[in-house]
C-alpha atoms as a PDB file:
ATOM      1  CA  MET A   1      -0.004   0.016   0.002  1.00  0.00           C
ATOM      2  CA  HIS A   2       1.295   3.453  -0.889  1.00  0.00           C
ATOM      3  CA  HIS A   3       1.170   6.242   1.685  1.00  0.00           C
ATOM      4  CA  ILE A   4      -1.874   8.518   2.079  1.00  0.00           C
ATOM      5  CA  SER A   5      -1.503  12.060   0.738  1.00  0.00           C
ATOM      6  CA  ALA A   6      -2.548  15.212   2.570  1.00  0.00           C
ATOM      7  CA  SER A   7      -6.106  16.485   2.016  1.00  0.00           C
ATOM      8  CA  SER A   8      -5.072  20.208   1.801  1.00  0.00           C
ATOM      9  CA  PRO A   9      -5.388  21.584  -1.785  1.00  0.00           C
ATOM     10  CA  LYS A  10      -2.241  23.667  -1.260  1.00  0.00           C
ATOM     11  CA  ALA A  11      -0.328  20.606  -0.021  1.00  0.00           C
ATOM     12  CA  ARG A  12      -1.487  18.692  -3.112  1.00  0.00           C
ATOM     13  CA  GLU A  13      -0.252  21.495  -5.400  1.00  0.00           C
ATOM     14  CA  ALA A  14       3.077  21.553  -3.554  1.00  0.00           C
ATOM     15  CA  LEU A  15       3.369  17.758  -3.959  1.00  0.00           C
ATOM     16  CA  ASP A  16       2.698  18.042  -7.691  1.00  0.00           C
ATOM     17  CA  LEU A  17       5.464  20.650  -7.942  1.00  0.00           C
ATOM     18  CA  VAL A  18       8.151  18.795  -6.028  1.00  0.00           C
ATOM     19  CA  SER A  19       7.303  15.509  -7.743  1.00  0.00           C
ATOM     20  CA  SER A  20       7.685  17.119 -11.176  1.00  0.00           C
ATOM     21  CA  LEU A  21      11.030  18.597 -10.155  1.00  0.00           C
ATOM     22  CA  GLN A  22      12.158  15.198  -8.948  1.00  0.00           C
ATOM     23  CA  GLN A  23      11.379  13.575 -12.291  1.00  0.00           C
ATOM     24  CA  ARG A  24      12.887  16.494 -14.209  1.00  0.00           C
ATOM     25  CA  PHE A  25      16.166  16.307 -12.324  1.00  0.00           C
ATOM     26  CA  ALA A  26      16.545  12.540 -12.443  1.00  0.00           C
ATOM     27  CA  GLN A  27      15.812  12.465 -16.186  1.00  0.00           C
ATOM     28  CA  LEU A  28      18.286  15.269 -16.832  1.00  0.00           C
ATOM     29  CA  LEU A  29      21.071  13.517 -14.934  1.00  0.00           C
ATOM     30  CA  GLU A  30      20.370  10.147 -16.594  1.00  0.00           C
ATOM     31  CA  ASP A  31      20.398  11.813 -20.035  1.00  0.00           C
ATOM     32  CA  ILE A  32      23.794  13.437 -19.314  1.00  0.00           C
ATOM     33  CA  ALA A  33      25.180  10.114 -18.132  1.00  0.00           C
ATOM     34  CA  THR A  34      23.924   8.380 -21.290  1.00  0.00           C
ATOM     35  CA  ASP A  35      25.236  11.086 -23.610  1.00  0.00           C
ATOM     36  CA  LEU A  36      28.693  10.820 -21.995  1.00  0.00           C
ATOM     37  CA  GLY A  37      28.749   7.032 -22.113  1.00  0.00           C
ATOM     38  CA  MET A  38      28.467   6.636 -18.351  1.00  0.00           C
ATOM     39  CA  ASN A  39      24.943   5.087 -18.240  1.00  0.00           C
ATOM     40  CA  GLN A  40      24.018   5.686 -14.607  1.00  0.00           C
ATOM     41  CA  ARG A  41      20.425   5.282 -13.392  1.00  0.00           C
ATOM     42  CA  PHE A  42      18.391   6.285 -10.342  1.00  0.00           C
ATOM     43  CA  SER A  43      16.363   3.665  -8.478  1.00  0.00           C
ATOM     44  CA  PRO A  44      13.172   4.405  -6.497  1.00  0.00           C
ATOM     45  CA  VAL A  45      13.040   3.732  -2.767  1.00  0.00           C
ATOM     46  CA  ARG A  46       9.776   4.263  -0.842  1.00  0.00           C
ATOM     47  CA  TRP A  47       9.281   4.888   2.822  1.00  0.00           C
ATOM     48  CA  LYS A  48       6.112   5.325   4.947  1.00  0.00           C
ATOM     49  CA  ARG A  49       5.376   7.460   8.005  1.00  0.00           C
ATOM     50  CA  ASP A  50       3.449   5.375  10.504  1.00  0.00           C
ATOM     51  CA  GLU A  51       2.881   2.658   7.902  1.00  0.00           C
ATOM     52  CA  GLY A  52       1.618   5.234   5.421  1.00  0.00           C
ATOM     53  CA  ARG A  53      -1.180   6.634   7.594  1.00  0.00           C
ATOM     54  CA  HIS A  54       0.679   9.924   7.986  1.00  0.00           C
ATOM     55  CA  GLY A  55       2.219  10.043   4.544  1.00  0.00           C
ATOM     56  CA  GLY A  56       5.738   9.114   3.475  1.00  0.00           C
ATOM     57  CA  GLY A  57       7.814   9.562   0.417  1.00  0.00           C
ATOM     58  CA  MET A  58       9.874   8.259  -2.452  1.00  0.00           C
ATOM     59  CA  ARG A  59      13.497   8.980  -3.138  1.00  0.00           C
ATOM     60  CA  LEU A  60      15.402   8.363  -6.339  1.00  0.00           C
ATOM     61  CA  GLU A  61      18.903   7.319  -5.413  1.00  0.00           C
ATOM     62  CA  THR A  62      22.150   6.299  -7.091  1.00  0.00           C
ATOM     63  CA  ALA A  63      25.621   5.529  -5.798  1.00  0.00           C
ATOM     64  CA  ASP A  64      29.109   4.392  -6.803  1.00  0.00           C
ATOM     65  CA  GLY A  65      28.503   4.980 -10.531  1.00  0.00           C
ATOM     66  CA  PRO A  66      30.804   6.329 -13.215  1.00  0.00           C
ATOM     67  CA  MET A  67      29.291   9.826 -13.045  1.00  0.00           C
ATOM     68  CA  ILE A  68      27.767  10.188  -9.586  1.00  0.00           C
ATOM     69  CA  GLY A  69      29.367   8.887  -6.405  1.00  0.00           C
ATOM     70  CA  ARG A  70      26.302   9.570  -4.304  1.00  0.00           C
ATOM     71  CA  GLY A  71      23.015  11.052  -5.390  1.00  0.00           C
ATOM     72  CA  SER A  72      19.562  11.324  -3.773  1.00  0.00           C
ATOM     73  CA  ILE A  73      16.427  13.114  -4.975  1.00  0.00           C
ATOM     74  CA  ASN A  74      14.002  12.776  -2.107  1.00  0.00           C
ATOM     75  CA  VAL A  75      10.322  13.770  -2.158  1.00  0.00           C
ATOM     76  CA  SER A  76       8.172  13.432   0.923  1.00  0.00           C
ATOM     77  CA  GLN A  77       4.849  14.510   2.352  1.00  0.00           C
ATOM     78  CA  VAL A  78       3.956  14.081   6.013  1.00  0.00           C
ATOM     79  CA  HIS A  79       0.527  15.117   7.333  1.00  0.00           C
ATOM     80  CA  TYR A  80      -1.760  14.737  10.360  1.00  0.00           C
ATOM     81  CA  ASP A  81      -5.250  15.048   8.859  1.00  0.00           C
ATOM     82  CA  ASP A  82      -6.543  12.333  11.264  1.00  0.00           C
ATOM     83  CA  ASP A  83      -5.117  13.867  14.451  1.00  0.00           C
ATOM     84  CA  PRO A  84      -6.765  17.100  15.665  1.00  0.00           C
ATOM     85  CA  SER A  85      -4.256  17.406  18.516  1.00  0.00           C
ATOM     86  CA  ARG A  86      -1.443  18.172  16.077  1.00  0.00           C
ATOM     87  CA  ARG A  87      -0.651  21.721  15.130  1.00  0.00           C
ATOM     88  CA  LEU A  88       1.155  20.657  11.970  1.00  0.00           C
ATOM     89  CA  GLY A  89      -1.140  20.085   9.014  1.00  0.00           C
ATOM     90  CA  SER A  90       1.356  18.892   6.465  1.00  0.00           C
ATOM     91  CA  ALA A  91       4.945  19.228   5.265  1.00  0.00           C
ATOM     92  CA  THR A  92       5.794  18.615   1.627  1.00  0.00           C
ATOM     93  CA  ALA A  93       9.339  18.745   0.284  1.00  0.00           C
ATOM     94  CA  ILE A  94      11.932  17.882  -2.251  1.00  0.00           C
ATOM     95  CA  SER A  95      15.471  17.663  -0.971  1.00  0.00           C
ATOM     96  CA  THR A  96      18.292  16.658  -3.267  1.00  0.00           C
ATOM     97  CA  ILE A  97      22.071  16.414  -3.177  1.00  0.00           C
ATOM     98  CA  ILE A  98      24.299  15.162  -5.959  1.00  0.00           C
ATOM     99  CA  HIS A  99      28.001  14.395  -5.412  1.00  0.00           C
ATOM    100  CA  PRO A 100      29.677  13.666  -8.765  1.00  0.00           C
ATOM    101  CA  VAL A 101      32.709  11.391  -9.008  1.00  0.00           C
ATOM    102  CA  HIS A 102      35.043  13.801 -10.774  1.00  0.00           C
ATOM    103  CA  PRO A 103      36.475  16.474  -8.485  1.00  0.00           C
ATOM    104  CA  LEU A 104      35.985  19.217 -11.117  1.00  0.00           C
ATOM    105  CA  ALA A 105      32.247  18.586 -11.253  1.00  0.00           C
ATOM    106  CA  PRO A 106      30.564  20.463  -8.392  1.00  0.00           C
ATOM    107  CA  SER A 107      28.036  19.047  -5.981  1.00  0.00           C
ATOM    108  CA  ILE A 108      24.547  20.561  -5.810  1.00  0.00           C
ATOM    109  CA  HIS A 109      21.999  20.920  -3.029  1.00  0.00           C
ATOM    110  CA  ILE A 110      18.357  21.955  -3.645  1.00  0.00           C
ATOM    111  CA  HIS A 111      15.527  22.006  -1.072  1.00  0.00           C
ATOM    112  CA  ILE A 112      11.990  23.270  -1.661  1.00  0.00           C
ATOM    113  CA  SER A 113       9.262  22.677   0.902  1.00  0.00           C
ATOM    114  CA  TRP A 114       5.771  23.845   1.838  1.00  0.00           C
ATOM    115  CA  THR A 115       4.781  23.604   5.513  1.00  0.00           C
ATOM    116  CA  GLU A 116       1.159  24.168   6.413  1.00  0.00           C
ATOM    117  CA  MET A 117      -0.077  24.529  10.009  1.00  0.00           C
ATOM    118  CA  LYS A 118      -3.672  23.729  10.974  1.00  0.00           C
ATOM    119  CA  HIS A 119      -5.853  26.854  11.112  1.00  0.00           C
ATOM    120  CA  GLN A 120      -2.776  28.952  10.380  1.00  0.00           C
ATOM    121  CA  HIS A 121      -0.807  30.161   7.418  1.00  0.00           C
ATOM    122  CA  GLY A 122       1.801  28.056   5.680  1.00  0.00           C
ATOM    123  CA  TYR A 123       5.276  28.973   4.414  1.00  0.00           C
ATOM    124  CA  TRP A 124       7.854  27.975   1.876  1.00  0.00           C
ATOM    125  CA  ARG A 125      11.494  27.088   2.406  1.00  0.00           C
ATOM    126  CA  ILE A 126      13.439  27.552  -0.870  1.00  0.00           C
ATOM    127  CA  MET A 127      17.130  26.676  -1.049  1.00  0.00           C
ATOM    128  CA  ALA A 128      19.689  26.128  -3.805  1.00  0.00           C
ATOM    129  CA  ASP A 129      23.463  26.119  -3.361  1.00  0.00           C
ATOM    130  CA  LEU A 130      26.403  25.168  -5.527  1.00  0.00           C
ATOM    131  CA  ASN A 131      29.108  23.155  -3.777  1.00  0.00           C
ATOM    132  CA  PRO A 132      32.337  22.693  -5.760  1.00  0.00           C
ATOM    133  CA  SER A 133      35.348  20.889  -4.352  1.00  0.00           C
ATOM    134  CA  ILE A 134      37.472  23.018  -6.648  1.00  0.00           C
ATOM    135  CA  PRO A 135      35.680  26.365  -7.303  1.00  0.00           C
ATOM    136  CA  GLN A 136      35.386  27.616 -10.858  1.00  0.00           C
ATOM    137  CA  ALA A 137      34.429  31.286 -11.181  1.00  0.00           C
ATOM    138  CA  SER A 138      32.434  30.774 -14.385  1.00  0.00           C
ATOM    139  CA  ASP A 139      30.257  28.045 -12.804  1.00  0.00           C
ATOM    140  CA  ALA A 140      29.481  30.229  -9.800  1.00  0.00           C
ATOM    141  CA  ALA A 141      28.620  33.195 -12.055  1.00  0.00           C
ATOM    142  CA  ASN A 142      26.318  31.123 -14.247  1.00  0.00           C
ATOM    143  CA  PHE A 143      24.508  29.569 -11.292  1.00  0.00           C
ATOM    144  CA  GLU A 144      24.084  32.909  -9.583  1.00  0.00           C
ATOM    145  CA  GLN A 145      22.790  34.582 -12.740  1.00  0.00           C
ATOM    146  CA  ALA A 146      20.202  31.798 -13.255  1.00  0.00           C
ATOM    147  CA  LEU A 147      18.862  32.205  -9.716  1.00  0.00           C
ATOM    148  CA  ARG A 148      18.829  35.996 -10.074  1.00  0.00           C
ATOM    149  CA  GLN A 149      16.704  35.689 -13.214  1.00  0.00           C
ATOM    150  CA  ALA A 150      14.414  33.159 -11.564  1.00  0.00           C
ATOM    151  CA  ALA A 151      13.741  35.374  -8.538  1.00  0.00           C
ATOM    152  CA  PRO A 152      14.732  38.953  -9.356  1.00  0.00           C
ATOM    153  CA  ALA A 153      12.696  40.541  -6.566  1.00  0.00           C
ATOM    154  CA  HIS A 154      14.002  38.189  -3.891  1.00  0.00           C
ATOM    155  CA  PHE A 155      17.517  37.307  -4.963  1.00  0.00           C
ATOM    156  CA  HIS A 156      19.427  39.821  -2.896  1.00  0.00           C
ATOM    157  CA  HIS A 157      17.688  38.847   0.328  1.00  0.00           C
ATOM    158  CA  ALA A 158      17.903  35.143  -0.455  1.00  0.00           C
ATOM    159  CA  ARG A 159      21.598  35.472  -1.174  1.00  0.00           C
ATOM    160  CA  GLN A 160      22.183  37.251   2.149  1.00  0.00           C
ATOM    161  CA  GLN A 161      20.235  34.621   4.093  1.00  0.00           C
ATOM    162  CA  GLY A 162      22.047  31.783   2.281  1.00  0.00           C
ATOM    163  CA  ASP A 163      25.460  33.263   3.015  1.00  0.00           C
ATOM    164  CA  ARG A 164      24.575  33.474   6.638  1.00  0.00           C
ATOM    165  CA  TYR A 165      23.082  29.996   6.850  1.00  0.00           C
ATOM    166  CA  PHE A 166      25.935  28.197   5.147  1.00  0.00           C
ATOM    167  CA  PHE A 167      28.732  29.900   7.069  1.00  0.00           C
ATOM    168  CA  ILE A 168      30.735  27.563   9.307  1.00  0.00           C
ATOM    169  CA  PRO A 169      31.964  29.565  12.346  1.00  0.00           C
ATOM    170  CA  ALA A 170      34.409  26.935  13.607  1.00  0.00           C
ATOM    171  CA  LEU A 171      36.231  26.899  10.251  1.00  0.00           C
ATOM    172  CA  GLY A 172      35.722  30.550   9.305  1.00  0.00           C
ATOM    173  CA  ARG A 173      34.364  29.705   5.847  1.00  0.00           C
ATOM    174  CA  HIS A 174      31.255  28.849   3.882  1.00  0.00           C
ATOM    175  CA  ARG A 175      29.984  25.560   2.553  1.00  0.00           C
ATOM    176  CA  GLY A 176      29.555  26.234  -1.131  1.00  0.00           C
ATOM    177  CA  VAL A 177      30.035  29.302  -3.307  1.00  0.00           C
ATOM    178  CA  VAL A 178      26.521  30.424  -4.261  1.00  0.00           C
ATOM    179  CA  HIS A 179      23.758  30.302  -1.664  1.00  0.00           C
ATOM    180  CA  PHE A 180      20.071  31.043  -2.224  1.00  0.00           C
ATOM    181  CA  TYR A 181      17.772  30.677   0.768  1.00  0.00           C
ATOM    182  CA  LEU A 182      14.278  31.951   1.555  1.00  0.00           C
ATOM    183  CA  GLU A 183      13.072  30.841   4.998  1.00  0.00           C
ATOM    184  CA  GLN A 184       9.444  30.958   6.174  1.00  0.00           C
ATOM    185  CA  PHE A 185       8.513  32.675   2.951  1.00  0.00           C
ATOM    186  CA  ASN A 186       4.878  33.702   2.336  1.00  0.00           C
ATOM    187  CA  SER A 187       4.012  36.757   0.314  1.00  0.00           C
ATOM    188  CA  GLY A 188       0.287  36.300   0.943  1.00  0.00           C
ATOM    189  CA  ASP A 189      -0.275  35.056  -2.605  1.00  0.00           C
ATOM    190  CA  PHE A 190       0.033  31.253  -2.682  1.00  0.00           C
ATOM    191  CA  ASP A 191      -0.121  31.007  -6.456  1.00  0.00           C
ATOM    192  CA  ALA A 192       2.653  33.539  -6.907  1.00  0.00           C
ATOM    193  CA  ASP A 193       4.796  31.799  -4.309  1.00  0.00           C
ATOM    194  CA  LEU A 194       4.214  28.428  -5.935  1.00  0.00           C
ATOM    195  CA  GLU A 195       5.360  29.947  -9.246  1.00  0.00           C
ATOM    196  CA  LEU A 196       8.464  31.363  -7.532  1.00  0.00           C
ATOM    197  CA  ALA A 197       9.330  27.981  -6.013  1.00  0.00           C
ATOM    198  CA  GLU A 198       8.908  26.342  -9.405  1.00  0.00           C
ATOM    199  CA  SER A 199      11.009  28.997 -11.150  1.00  0.00           C
ATOM    200  CA  VAL A 200      13.875  28.662  -8.677  1.00  0.00           C
ATOM    201  CA  GLY A 201      13.714  24.886  -8.729  1.00  0.00           C
ATOM    202  CA  LYS A 202      13.838  24.634 -12.517  1.00  0.00           C
ATOM    203  CA  ALA A 203      16.597  27.250 -12.749  1.00  0.00           C
ATOM    204  CA  ALA A 204      18.744  25.388 -10.215  1.00  0.00           C
ATOM    205  CA  VAL A 205      18.145  21.985 -11.829  1.00  0.00           C
ATOM    206  CA  ASP A 206      18.683  23.032 -15.435  1.00  0.00           C
ATOM    207  CA  THR A 207      21.711  25.282 -14.760  1.00  0.00           C
ATOM    208  CA  TYR A 208      23.369  22.587 -12.721  1.00  0.00           C
ATOM    209  CA  GLY A 209      22.823  20.129 -15.567  1.00  0.00           C
ATOM    210  CA  THR A 210      24.547  22.513 -17.952  1.00  0.00           C
ATOM    211  CA  ILE A 211      27.498  23.028 -15.564  1.00  0.00           C
ATOM    212  CA  LEU A 212      27.842  19.264 -14.958  1.00  0.00           C
ATOM    213  CA  ARG A 213      27.804  18.431 -18.641  1.00  0.00           C
ATOM    214  CA  GLN A 214      30.381  21.095 -19.498  1.00  0.00           C
ATOM    215  CA  ARG A 215      32.724  19.987 -16.733  1.00  0.00           C
ATOM    216  CA  LEU A 216      32.566  16.316 -17.628  1.00  0.00           C
ATOM    217  CA  GLU A 217      32.720  16.708 -21.416  1.00  0.00           C
ATOM    218  CA  ARG A 218      36.240  18.149 -21.210  1.00  0.00           C
ATOM    219  CA  ALA A 219      37.449  16.498 -18.039  1.00  0.00           C
ATOM    220  CA  GLU A 220      40.842  14.783 -17.960  1.00  0.00           C
ATOM    221  CA  PRO A 221      41.504  12.037 -15.396  1.00  0.00           C
ATOM    222  CA  PRO A 222      41.752  13.748 -12.022  1.00  0.00           C
ATOM    223  CA  SER A 223      45.127  14.470 -10.427  1.00  0.00           C
ATOM    224  CA  ARG A 224      46.116  13.414  -6.961  1.00  0.00           C
ATOM    225  CA  ASP A 225      45.842  17.025  -5.768  1.00  0.00           C
ATOM    226  CA  GLN A 226      42.337  17.297  -7.203  1.00  0.00           C
ATOM    227  CA  LEU A 227      41.210  14.071  -5.496  1.00  0.00           C
ATOM    228  CA  ARG A 228      42.699  15.367  -2.249  1.00  0.00           C
ATOM    229  CA  ALA A 229      40.776  18.637  -2.593  1.00  0.00           C
ATOM    230  CA  GLN A 230      37.562  16.691  -3.196  1.00  0.00           C
ATOM    231  CA  LEU A 231      38.095  14.499  -0.125  1.00  0.00           C
ATOM    232  CA  ASP A 232      38.781  17.587   2.022  1.00  0.00           C
ATOM    233  CA  TYR A 233      35.672  19.296   0.725  1.00  0.00           C
ATOM    234  CA  HIS A 234      33.447  16.244   1.177  1.00  0.00           C
ATOM    235  CA  THR A 235      34.708  16.099   4.765  1.00  0.00           C
ATOM    236  CA  LEU A 236      33.718  19.726   5.269  1.00  0.00           C
ATOM    237  CA  TYR A 237      30.305  18.980   3.755  1.00  0.00           C
ATOM    238  CA  PHE A 238      29.818  16.099   6.177  1.00  0.00           C
ATOM    239  CA  PHE A 239      30.881  18.362   9.053  1.00  0.00           C
ATOM    240  CA  GLN A 240      28.452  21.143   8.152  1.00  0.00           C
ATOM    241  CA  VAL A 241      25.445  18.835   7.599  1.00  0.00           C
ATOM    242  CA  LEU A 242      25.809  16.924  10.848  1.00  0.00           C
ATOM    243  CA  THR A 243      26.855  19.725  13.172  1.00  0.00           C
ATOM    244  CA  LEU A 244      25.053  22.761  11.799  1.00  0.00           C
ATOM    245  CA  ASP A 245      22.223  21.950   9.385  1.00  0.00           C
ATOM    246  CA  ARG A 246      18.867  22.641  11.057  1.00  0.00           C
ATOM    247  CA  GLY A 247      16.829  20.715   8.465  1.00  0.00           C
ATOM    248  CA  THR A 248      18.823  17.510   8.876  1.00  0.00           C
ATOM    249  CA  THR A 249      18.650  17.664  12.675  1.00  0.00           C
ATOM    250  CA  SER A 250      14.902  18.380  12.576  1.00  0.00           C
ATOM    251  CA  GLY A 251      14.210  15.399  10.390  1.00  0.00           C
ATOM    252  CA  LEU A 252      16.237  13.061  12.624  1.00  0.00           C
ATOM    253  CA  LEU A 253      14.674  14.270  15.884  1.00  0.00           C
ATOM    254  CA  VAL A 254      11.086  14.106  14.697  1.00  0.00           C
ATOM    255  CA  HIS A 255      11.218  10.400  13.726  1.00  0.00           C
ATOM    256  CA  ASP A 256      13.547   7.549  12.723  1.00  0.00           C
ATOM    257  CA  GLN A 257      11.499   6.187   9.828  1.00  0.00           C
ATOM    258  CA  ASN A 258      13.549   7.779   6.990  1.00  0.00           C
ATOM    259  CA  ASP A 259      17.118   7.970   8.329  1.00  0.00           C
ATOM    260  CA  LEU A 260      18.688   6.816   5.097  1.00  0.00           C
ATOM    261  CA  GLY A 261      16.732   9.378   3.117  1.00  0.00           C
ATOM    262  CA  ILE A 262      17.640  12.213   5.468  1.00  0.00           C
ATOM    263  CA  MET A 263      21.279  11.158   5.431  1.00  0.00           C
ATOM    264  CA  GLY A 264      21.270  10.897   1.660  1.00  0.00           C
ATOM    265  CA  SER A 265      23.163  14.215   1.511  1.00  0.00           C
ATOM    266  CA  LEU A 266      26.363  12.686   2.900  1.00  0.00           C
ATOM    267  CA  PRO A 267      29.223  12.081   0.491  1.00  0.00           C
ATOM    268  CA  ALA A 268      30.665   8.586  -0.023  1.00  0.00           C
ATOM    269  CA  ARG A 269      34.101   9.090   1.507  1.00  0.00           C
ATOM    270  CA  ILE A 270      35.524  11.473   4.096  1.00  0.00           C
ATOM    271  CA  ASP A 271      38.791  12.028   5.953  1.00  0.00           C
ATOM    272  CA  LYS A 272      38.312  11.006   9.549  1.00  0.00           C
ATOM    273  CA  ALA A 273      41.710  12.447  10.548  1.00  0.00           C
ATOM    274  CA  LEU A 274      40.708  15.847   9.152  1.00  0.00           C
ATOM    275  CA  LEU A 275      37.473  15.769  11.175  1.00  0.00           C
ATOM    276  CA  GLN A 276      39.480  14.973  14.302  1.00  0.00           C
ATOM    277  CA  SER A 277      41.719  18.013  13.687  1.00  0.00           C
ATOM    278  CA  TRP A 278      38.624  20.243  13.897  1.00  0.00           C
ATOM    279  CA  VAL A 279      37.478  19.079  17.353  1.00  0.00           C
ATOM    280  CA  PRO A 280      39.547  21.720  19.231  1.00  0.00           C
ATOM    281  CA  ARG A 281      37.816  24.432  17.200  1.00  0.00           C
ATOM    282  CA  MET A 282      34.382  23.380  18.450  1.00  0.00           C
ATOM    283  CA  CYS A 283      32.741  24.922  21.512  1.00  0.00           C
ATOM    284  CA  SER A 284      30.949  22.826  24.117  1.00  0.00           C
ATOM    285  CA  PRO A 285      28.849  20.721  23.742  1.00  0.00           C
ATOM    286  CA  GLN A 286      29.345  20.503  19.963  1.00  0.00           C
ATOM    287  CA  ASP A 287      32.891  19.219  20.440  1.00  0.00           C
ATOM    288  CA  GLU A 288      31.278  16.229  22.113  1.00  0.00           C
ATOM    289  CA  LEU A 289      28.966  15.773  19.110  1.00  0.00           C
ATOM    290  CA  LEU A 290      31.885  15.796  16.673  1.00  0.00           C
ATOM    291  CA  GLN A 291      33.812  13.271  18.769  1.00  0.00           C
ATOM    292  CA  ASP A 292      30.781  10.986  18.869  1.00  0.00           C
ATOM    293  CA  LEU A 293      30.301  11.285  15.119  1.00  0.00           C
ATOM    294  CA  ILE A 294      33.925  10.371  14.587  1.00  0.00           C
ATOM    295  CA  ARG A 295      33.508   7.280  16.781  1.00  0.00           C
ATOM    296  CA  ALA A 296      30.491   6.244  14.687  1.00  0.00           C
ATOM    297  CA  LEU A 297      32.645   6.171  11.502  1.00  0.00           C
ATOM    298  CA  PRO A 298      34.632   3.157  10.333  1.00  0.00           C
ATOM    299  CA  ASP A 299      38.159   2.794  11.722  1.00  0.00           C
ATOM    300  CA  GLU A 300      40.061   3.573   8.567  1.00  0.00           C
ATOM    301  CA  SER A 301      40.783   7.073   7.221  1.00  0.00           C
ATOM    302  CA  PRO A 302      39.694   7.957   4.612  1.00  0.00           C
ATOM    303  CA  CYS A 303      36.543   6.006   5.341  1.00  0.00           C
ATOM    304  CA  THR A 304      33.354   5.070   3.460  1.00  0.00           C
ATOM    305  CA  VAL A 305      29.979   6.292   4.713  1.00  0.00           C
ATOM    306  CA  ASP A 306      27.668   3.395   3.900  1.00  0.00           C
ATOM    307  CA  ALA A 307      24.094   2.646   4.932  1.00  0.00           C
ATOM    308  CA  ILE A 308      25.061   0.980   8.236  1.00  0.00           C
ATOM    309  CA  CYS A 309      27.259   3.946   9.078  1.00  0.00           C
ATOM    310  CA  LYS A 310      24.476   6.392   8.208  1.00  0.00           C
ATOM    311  CA  LYS A 311      22.197   4.725  10.760  1.00  0.00           C
ATOM    312  CA  ARG A 312      24.885   5.020  13.436  1.00  0.00           C
ATOM    313  CA  LEU A 313      25.403   8.659  12.592  1.00  0.00           C
ATOM    314  CA  ALA A 314      21.648   9.376  12.691  1.00  0.00           C
ATOM    315  CA  ASN A 315      21.364   7.826  16.176  1.00  0.00           C
ATOM    316  CA  THR A 316      24.387   9.784  17.302  1.00  0.00           C
ATOM    317  CA  VAL A 317      22.811  13.079  16.313  1.00  0.00           C
ATOM    318  CA  ARG A 318      19.520  12.166  17.997  1.00  0.00           C
ATOM    319  CA  ARG A 319      21.226  11.142  21.273  1.00  0.00           C
ATOM    320  CA  HIS A 320      23.261  14.356  21.353  1.00  0.00           C
ATOM    321  CA  TYR A 321      20.320  16.741  21.078  1.00  0.00           C
ATOM    322  CA  GLN A 322      18.216  14.691  23.460  1.00  0.00           C
ATOM    323  CA  ARG A 323      21.025  15.150  26.005  1.00  0.00           C
ATOM    324  CA  HIS A 324      21.722  18.773  25.007  1.00  0.00           C
ATOM    325  CA  PRO A 325      18.521  20.398  23.655  1.00  0.00           C
ATOM    326  CA  GLU A 326      20.077  23.807  24.345  1.00  0.00           C
ATOM    327  CA  ALA A 327      22.631  23.091  21.569  1.00  0.00           C
ATOM    328  CA  LEU A 328      19.860  23.450  18.935  1.00  0.00           C
ATOM    329  CA  ALA A 329      20.312  27.203  19.306  1.00  0.00           C
ATOM    330  CA  MET A 330      23.886  26.782  18.009  1.00  0.00           C
ATOM    331  CA  GLN A 331      22.746  25.458  14.670  1.00  0.00           C
ATOM    332  CA  ALA A 332      22.774  27.390  11.436  1.00  0.00           C
ATOM    333  CA  ALA A 333      20.141  30.112  10.968  1.00  0.00           C
ATOM    334  CA  ALA A 334      19.159  32.619   8.328  1.00  0.00           C
ATOM    335  CA  ASP A 335      17.565  35.984   9.070  1.00  0.00           C
ATOM    336  CA  ASN A 336      14.378  34.272  10.171  1.00  0.00           C
ATOM    337  CA  THR A 337      15.106  31.465  12.598  1.00  0.00           C
ATOM    338  CA  PRO A 338      12.311  28.890  12.818  1.00  0.00           C
ATOM    339  CA  PRO A 339      11.265  27.671  16.246  1.00  0.00           C
ATOM    340  CA  THR A 340      13.666  25.014  17.472  1.00  0.00           C
ATOM    341  CA  VAL A 341      12.679  21.519  16.519  1.00  0.00           C
ATOM    342  CA  ILE A 342      12.571  20.475  20.139  1.00  0.00           C
ATOM    343  CA  ASN A 343       9.526  22.768  20.593  1.00  0.00           C
ATOM    344  CA  HIS A 344       7.764  21.070  17.661  1.00  0.00           C
ATOM    345  CA  MET A 345       8.697  17.478  18.422  1.00  0.00           C
ATOM    346  CA  PRO A 346       5.279  16.574  19.933  1.00  0.00           C
ATOM    347  CA  ASP A 347       3.532  17.992  16.864  1.00  0.00           C
ATOM    348  CA  ALA A 348       5.788  16.679  14.103  1.00  0.00           C
END
C-alpha cells in the first residue's frame, strides 16, 4: 500500500510541484550520463510514515557509478489530517544532493518545501546552493545569474540569508560558493509563491545540468591534488550537515523512519583524521557531538559512509540533542530562525 497524501489543496499542489522537479532532475542527470557514455540510473526507494497513515515519500537514489558517487532526490509529504491534537497540518518537500565522481564537477543541493499549520498560514523554504570541491568562477557566475533571473525581486535577500546559513563559524568559511535561501517565505499570494518555487527549482536543476555536462565533457583524469581537494571538501560537507544543518537535525529528531533518506546528503568518502583536527575548534557541547560522530565512523581514514554507518550517525545526532537540547540554538540560521525543533517534536 502506498502512503496517504494530505487533504489540503495547497499541499497537493506543492506535492505536484516537487514530484515534477524530482522527475525532471533525475531524467536530466540520466540523459547526461547516457550522452557521456556513463549510463548511470536512479532507483526508487519508498518509505512510509506510521505505515503510510501519515504520509511518506519516495526517493530516487544512485551511488558508486561512473558519473555520480552519491546522489539522492527525495520527495516526501507528512501530514496529520486524522489527528486534531497536532498543530502541523502537512509538510511537503523535495530535498536533493548530488555528489559527482570527478572532483572538477561540483556538488549541488536543492531544497523546496511547503509547511502548512492547521488553522494557520503556511510557508515555503526555498534553497539552492552550488558546492564545488574546486571552485570555478564561471560556474558560480552562471549559477548565480540563473537564480537572479528566476527570482529577481527576492535574490538579494535570499543570497544574504544563504550566505549566513551556510557559514561555518568553527572553520571561518562557507559551505559552497553560491547560496540562495528563503526561509518561512509567504508573500500572501500562494499561487505567486508556488510559481516562484517552481522558477527557482527549474533554474537550479537546469543550470546545474549545464554546468555538470560542461565539466565532464572536457574532463581529464583527475590528479592526486584534485582528489585530495575533493576529499577535504566532502569532509567539510559532512561536518556542516551533521553539526550545523537545522533541516537535517529536525528530520532526525522528529522520527527515525527515514534515516537513510535524510542522510542521503552525505558524500561517499571522508577524511576521519581531518574531522578529528577540527574538534579543538568546536565549543561545548558541539565538540562532544563531533567526537561521537567520529566514533560512529569506520576505523580507517579515509573511510566510506555506507548505509550502516548512516544509521549510526543518525542515532548519534539524536542522542546528542536529546542530552543537550540547548545546543539546537547553536545550529545554522538565516535571518528568520524557525522555532527550534525540540519545541515542535510533539507535533511533528
